[in-house]
C-alpha cells in the first residue's frame, strides 16, 4: 500500500484533527488491510520523503538498472533488494523505520 500521510481525508468524519500536527506529505510503504481504521506494526513500515512515483523506472528498464546501478533520477539501485509498485514501476528504497507516532493515512 502506498499512502500519503496526513493529507485531508475524504472519509474521516468524527476525527479530531486537533490531535494531529500537519507535516509535509510522506509516502508510506506499508502492508496491511486497506480497510483497517487502526492497528499496530507500523514499526515495520517505511516511508519516502519525496513522491517515489515520478522518480521510479518502468519494469522493462530493469536490465539497464541492474547493469548501471543508478536510476535516471540518480537514486542507487540495489538488484538484490528493490521495490516494485503495483503498476510495474521500480522504486527507490524507502527509509526504515517509520518514525514513532500516530499517523492519519488516507
C-alpha atoms as a PDB file:
ATOM      1  CA  UNK A   1       0.000   0.000   0.000  1.00  0.00           C
ATOM      2  CA  UNK A   2       1.293   3.445  -0.821  1.00  0.00           C
ATOM      3  CA  UNK A   3      -0.323   6.246   1.085  1.00  0.00           C
ATOM      4  CA  UNK A   4       0.408   9.903   1.567  1.00  0.00           C
ATOM      5  CA  UNK A   5       0.425  10.739   5.246  1.00  0.00           C
ATOM      6  CA  UNK A   6      -1.769  13.451   6.734  1.00  0.00           C
ATOM      7  CA  UNK A   7      -3.452  14.800   3.664  1.00  0.00           C
ATOM      8  CA  UNK A   8      -7.044  15.961   4.008  1.00  0.00           C
ATOM      9  CA  UNK A   9      -9.118  12.759   4.244  1.00  0.00           C
ATOM     10  CA  UNK A  10     -12.264  12.145   2.287  1.00  0.00           C
ATOM     11  CA  UNK A  11     -13.961   9.869   4.819  1.00  0.00           C
ATOM     12  CA  UNK A  12     -12.639  10.878   8.245  1.00  0.00           C
ATOM     13  CA  UNK A  13     -15.874  12.068   9.818  1.00  0.00           C
ATOM     14  CA  UNK A  14     -15.575  12.218  13.573  1.00  0.00           C
ATOM     15  CA  UNK A  15     -11.783  12.619  13.570  1.00  0.00           C
ATOM     16  CA  UNK A  16     -10.473  15.295  15.950  1.00  0.00           C
ATOM     17  CA  UNK A  17      -7.806  16.938  13.809  1.00  0.00           C
ATOM     18  CA  UNK A  18      -6.506  18.967  16.781  1.00  0.00           C
ATOM     19  CA  UNK A  19      -4.683  15.801  17.859  1.00  0.00           C
ATOM     20  CA  UNK A  20      -2.592  15.809  14.670  1.00  0.00           C
ATOM     21  CA  UNK A  21       0.304  18.006  13.608  1.00  0.00           C
ATOM     22  CA  UNK A  22       0.371  18.756   9.908  1.00  0.00           C
ATOM     23  CA  UNK A  23       3.612  17.755   8.225  1.00  0.00           C
ATOM     24  CA  UNK A  24       4.818  17.719   4.653  1.00  0.00           C
ATOM     25  CA  UNK A  25       3.361  14.707   2.829  1.00  0.00           C
ATOM     26  CA  UNK A  26       5.251  11.481   3.365  1.00  0.00           C
ATOM     27  CA  UNK A  27       4.668   8.474   1.199  1.00  0.00           C
ATOM     28  CA  UNK A  28       4.314   5.385   3.359  1.00  0.00           C
ATOM     29  CA  UNK A  29       5.280   1.832   2.387  1.00  0.00           C
ATOM     30  CA  UNK A  30       3.025  -0.464   4.404  1.00  0.00           C
ATOM     31  CA  UNK A  31       1.441  -3.860   4.216  1.00  0.00           C
ATOM     32  CA  UNK A  32      -1.935  -4.152   5.833  1.00  0.00           C
ATOM     33  CA  UNK A  33      -5.667  -4.352   5.459  1.00  0.00           C
ATOM     34  CA  UNK A  34      -6.665  -1.360   3.313  1.00  0.00           C
ATOM     35  CA  UNK A  35      -9.980  -1.179   5.223  1.00  0.00           C
ATOM     36  CA  UNK A  36      -8.349  -1.044   8.673  1.00  0.00           C
ATOM     37  CA  UNK A  37      -9.027   2.036  10.787  1.00  0.00           C
ATOM     38  CA  UNK A  38      -6.418   1.243  13.439  1.00  0.00           C
ATOM     39  CA  UNK A  39      -3.761  -1.321  14.150  1.00  0.00           C
ATOM     40  CA  UNK A  40      -0.171  -1.997  15.030  1.00  0.00           C
ATOM     41  CA  UNK A  41       3.022  -2.974  13.261  1.00  0.00           C
ATOM     42  CA  UNK A  42       3.920   0.464  11.898  1.00  0.00           C
ATOM     43  CA  UNK A  43       7.496  -0.088  13.130  1.00  0.00           C
ATOM     44  CA  UNK A  44       7.824  -2.340  10.066  1.00  0.00           C
ATOM     45  CA  UNK A  45       6.637   0.381   7.693  1.00  0.00           C
ATOM     46  CA  UNK A  46       8.919   2.563   5.620  1.00  0.00           C
ATOM     47  CA  UNK A  47       8.496   5.988   4.063  1.00  0.00           C
ATOM     48  CA  UNK A  48       9.682   8.189   1.255  1.00  0.00           C
ATOM     49  CA  UNK A  49      10.153  11.928   1.876  1.00  0.00           C
ATOM     50  CA  UNK A  50       9.677  12.509  -1.853  1.00  0.00           C
ATOM     51  CA  UNK A  51       6.945  11.030  -4.021  1.00  0.00           C
ATOM     52  CA  UNK A  52       8.573   7.843  -5.359  1.00  0.00           C
ATOM     53  CA  UNK A  53       6.298   7.644  -8.404  1.00  0.00           C
ATOM     54  CA  UNK A  54       7.928  10.319 -10.582  1.00  0.00           C
ATOM     55  CA  UNK A  55      11.393   9.026  -9.592  1.00  0.00           C
ATOM     56  CA  UNK A  56      10.541   5.421 -10.495  1.00  0.00           C
ATOM     57  CA  UNK A  57      11.526   3.420 -13.595  1.00  0.00           C
ATOM     58  CA  UNK A  58       9.383   1.143 -15.711  1.00  0.00           C
ATOM     59  CA  UNK A  59       9.938  -2.560 -15.155  1.00  0.00           C
ATOM     60  CA  UNK A  60      11.190  -3.021 -18.719  1.00  0.00           C
ATOM     61  CA  UNK A  61      14.223  -0.869 -17.759  1.00  0.00           C
ATOM     62  CA  UNK A  62      15.348  -3.479 -15.211  1.00  0.00           C
ATOM     63  CA  UNK A  63      18.322  -4.724 -17.315  1.00  0.00           C
ATOM     64  CA  UNK A  64      19.712  -1.182 -17.572  1.00  0.00           C
ATOM     65  CA  UNK A  65      19.141  -0.524 -13.867  1.00  0.00           C
ATOM     66  CA  UNK A  66      20.887  -3.767 -12.949  1.00  0.00           C
ATOM     67  CA  UNK A  67      23.832  -3.015 -15.242  1.00  0.00           C
ATOM     68  CA  UNK A  68      24.386   0.593 -14.138  1.00  0.00           C
ATOM     69  CA  UNK A  69      23.123   0.504 -10.542  1.00  0.00           C
ATOM     70  CA  UNK A  70      21.732   4.013 -10.967  1.00  0.00           C
ATOM     71  CA  UNK A  71      18.231   5.119 -11.960  1.00  0.00           C
ATOM     72  CA  UNK A  72      17.628   8.056 -14.321  1.00  0.00           C
ATOM     73  CA  UNK A  73      16.558  10.077 -11.229  1.00  0.00           C
ATOM     74  CA  UNK A  74      20.030   9.334  -9.768  1.00  0.00           C
ATOM     75  CA  UNK A  75      18.988   7.044  -6.922  1.00  0.00           C
ATOM     76  CA  UNK A  76      21.084   3.954  -6.263  1.00  0.00           C
ATOM     77  CA  UNK A  77      19.525   0.682  -7.441  1.00  0.00           C
ATOM     78  CA  UNK A  78      20.245  -2.490  -5.455  1.00  0.00           C
ATOM     79  CA  UNK A  79      19.494  -5.525  -7.649  1.00  0.00           C
ATOM     80  CA  UNK A  80      19.263  -7.714  -4.525  1.00  0.00           C
ATOM     81  CA  UNK A  81      16.675  -5.540  -2.744  1.00  0.00           C
ATOM     82  CA  UNK A  82      14.261  -3.405  -4.722  1.00  0.00           C
ATOM     83  CA  UNK A  83      10.643  -2.231  -4.665  1.00  0.00           C
ATOM     84  CA  UNK A  84       8.045  -2.871  -7.356  1.00  0.00           C
ATOM     85  CA  UNK A  85       4.934  -0.728  -7.369  1.00  0.00           C
ATOM     86  CA  UNK A  86       1.600  -2.263  -8.390  1.00  0.00           C
ATOM     87  CA  UNK A  87       1.675  -0.575 -11.817  1.00  0.00           C
ATOM     88  CA  UNK A  88       5.054  -2.027 -12.766  1.00  0.00           C
ATOM     89  CA  UNK A  89       7.308   0.780 -11.581  1.00  0.00           C
ATOM     90  CA  UNK A  90      10.616   0.051  -9.859  1.00  0.00           C
ATOM     91  CA  UNK A  91      11.044   2.479  -6.983  1.00  0.00           C
ATOM     92  CA  UNK A  92      13.941   3.534  -4.821  1.00  0.00           C
ATOM     93  CA  UNK A  93      14.221   2.088  -1.322  1.00  0.00           C
ATOM     94  CA  UNK A  94      12.086   3.756   1.343  1.00  0.00           C
ATOM     95  CA  UNK A  95      13.629   4.760   4.668  1.00  0.00           C
ATOM     96  CA  UNK A  96      13.028   2.432   7.613  1.00  0.00           C
ATOM     97  CA  UNK A  97      11.513   2.505  10.139  1.00  0.00           C
ATOM     98  CA  UNK A  98       8.651   4.974  10.017  1.00  0.00           C
ATOM     99  CA  UNK A  99       9.275   7.352  12.954  1.00  0.00           C
ATOM    100  CA  UNK A 100       7.137   6.562  16.025  1.00  0.00           C
ATOM    101  CA  UNK A 101       3.857   8.438  16.224  1.00  0.00           C
ATOM    102  CA  UNK A 102       0.241   8.354  15.227  1.00  0.00           C
ATOM    103  CA  UNK A 103      -0.472   8.736  11.538  1.00  0.00           C
ATOM    104  CA  UNK A 104      -3.643   9.506   9.672  1.00  0.00           C
ATOM    105  CA  UNK A 105      -3.232   7.510   6.477  1.00  0.00           C
ATOM    106  CA  UNK A 106      -5.561   8.418   3.630  1.00  0.00           C
END
